[in-house]
């Protein structure tokens, strides 16, 4: 399942390189935001939300916090993630 999620992320976000584990999401997202268009940033956040929403049951709080870090690092406000949460109908629990 982990490998499937990585493949979906690379394909959906159009990432050419390997997906690296254990990075600081906020710092990475801020760096990505400097070299990407607004549309690319929106697509990346939406892809991440789609992957989280694909799971059965609520998203763990830790994963939701990472989505928030990604969203803020990409330069979005809280409402961007809230709108995607409504669109993809997922909940989170701690």
Protein backbone atom coordinates (compact mmCIF):
# COMPACT_ATOMS: atom_id res chain seq x y z
CA UNK A 1 0.00 0.00 0.00
CA UNK A 2 2.88 2.38 0.83
CA UNK A 3 4.45 1.89 -2.61
CA UNK A 4 1.06 2.46 -4.27
CA UNK A 5 0.69 5.78 -2.46
CA UNK A 6 4.17 6.88 -3.56
CA UNK A 7 3.40 5.96 -7.19
CA UNK A 8 0.10 7.87 -7.07
CA UNK A 9 1.85 10.88 -5.56
CA UNK A 10 4.56 10.94 -8.22
CA UNK A 11 2.09 10.43 -11.07
CA UNK A 12 -0.55 12.85 -9.76
CA UNK A 13 1.87 15.62 -8.87
CA UNK A 14 4.08 15.14 -11.90
CA UNK A 15 7.18 14.61 -9.77
CA UNK A 16 10.20 13.49 -11.77
CA UNK A 17 12.44 12.50 -8.89
CA UNK A 18 12.20 9.97 -6.14
CA UNK A 19 9.88 10.65 -3.23
CA UNK A 20 12.03 11.11 -0.12
CA UNK A 21 10.83 10.13 3.32
CA UNK A 22 11.66 12.00 6.52
CA UNK A 23 11.83 15.55 5.18
CA UNK A 24 10.63 18.75 6.78
CA UNK A 25 7.41 19.26 4.83
CA UNK A 26 7.15 22.99 5.52
CA UNK A 27 10.71 23.78 4.38
CA UNK A 28 10.36 21.60 1.30
CA UNK A 29 7.00 23.19 0.40
CA UNK A 30 8.44 26.69 0.81
CA UNK A 31 11.30 25.80 -1.54
CA UNK A 32 8.86 24.26 -4.03
CA UNK A 33 6.64 27.36 -3.84
CA UNK A 34 9.55 29.55 -4.95
CA UNK A 35 10.06 27.59 -8.20
CA UNK A 36 6.50 26.59 -9.10
CA UNK A 37 3.40 28.27 -10.46
CA UNK A 38 0.23 28.83 -8.46
CA UNK A 39 -1.45 26.08 -10.49
CA UNK A 40 1.34 23.61 -9.69
CA UNK A 41 1.08 24.41 -5.98
CA UNK A 42 -2.71 23.95 -6.06
CA UNK A 43 -2.35 20.63 -7.88
CA UNK A 44 0.23 19.36 -5.40
CA UNK A 45 -1.96 20.20 -2.40
CA UNK A 46 -4.99 18.63 -4.06
CA UNK A 47 -3.03 15.46 -4.88
CA UNK A 48 -1.92 15.18 -1.24
CA UNK A 49 -5.52 15.63 -0.06
CA UNK A 50 -6.76 13.01 -2.54
CA UNK A 51 -4.23 10.50 -1.21
CA UNK A 52 -5.32 11.20 2.37
CA UNK A 53 -9.01 10.98 1.46
CA UNK A 54 -8.49 7.62 -0.34
CA UNK A 55 -7.87 5.82 2.92
CA UNK A 56 -10.68 4.08 4.75
CA UNK A 57 -11.78 5.90 7.86
CA UNK A 58 -10.59 9.19 9.29
CA UNK A 59 -7.15 10.61 8.58
CA UNK A 60 -4.83 10.42 11.61
CA UNK A 61 -4.12 13.81 13.20
CA UNK A 62 -0.41 13.50 12.45
CA UNK A 63 -1.11 13.10 8.72
CA UNK A 64 -3.59 15.99 8.82
CA UNK A 65 -0.95 18.15 10.52
CA UNK A 66 1.40 17.33 7.63
CA UNK A 67 -1.28 18.44 5.18
CA UNK A 68 -1.51 21.72 7.09
CA UNK A 69 2.28 22.11 6.99
CA UNK A 70 2.24 21.46 3.25
CA UNK A 71 -0.60 23.92 2.71
CA UNK A 72 1.07 26.71 4.68
CA UNK A 73 4.47 26.01 3.15
CA UNK A 74 2.94 26.32 -0.32
CA UNK A 75 1.62 29.73 0.68
CA UNK A 76 -2.05 28.90 1.21
CA UNK A 77 -4.26 29.93 4.11
CA UNK A 78 -6.29 27.50 6.21
CA UNK A 79 -9.36 27.91 4.03
CA UNK A 80 -7.63 26.21 1.05
CA UNK A 81 -7.29 22.95 2.98
CA UNK A 82 -10.78 23.35 4.47
CA UNK A 83 -12.30 23.66 0.98
CA UNK A 84 -10.47 20.53 -0.16
CA UNK A 85 -11.60 18.71 2.97
CA UNK A 86 -15.19 19.52 2.08
CA UNK A 87 -14.74 18.52 -1.57
CA UNK A 88 -13.16 15.15 -0.73
CA UNK A 89 -15.26 14.57 2.40
CA UNK A 90 -12.72 13.31 4.89
CA UNK A 91 -12.43 13.70 8.64
CA UNK A 92 -9.42 13.51 10.91
CA UNK A 93 -8.93 12.15 14.43
CA UNK A 94 -6.18 12.34 16.98
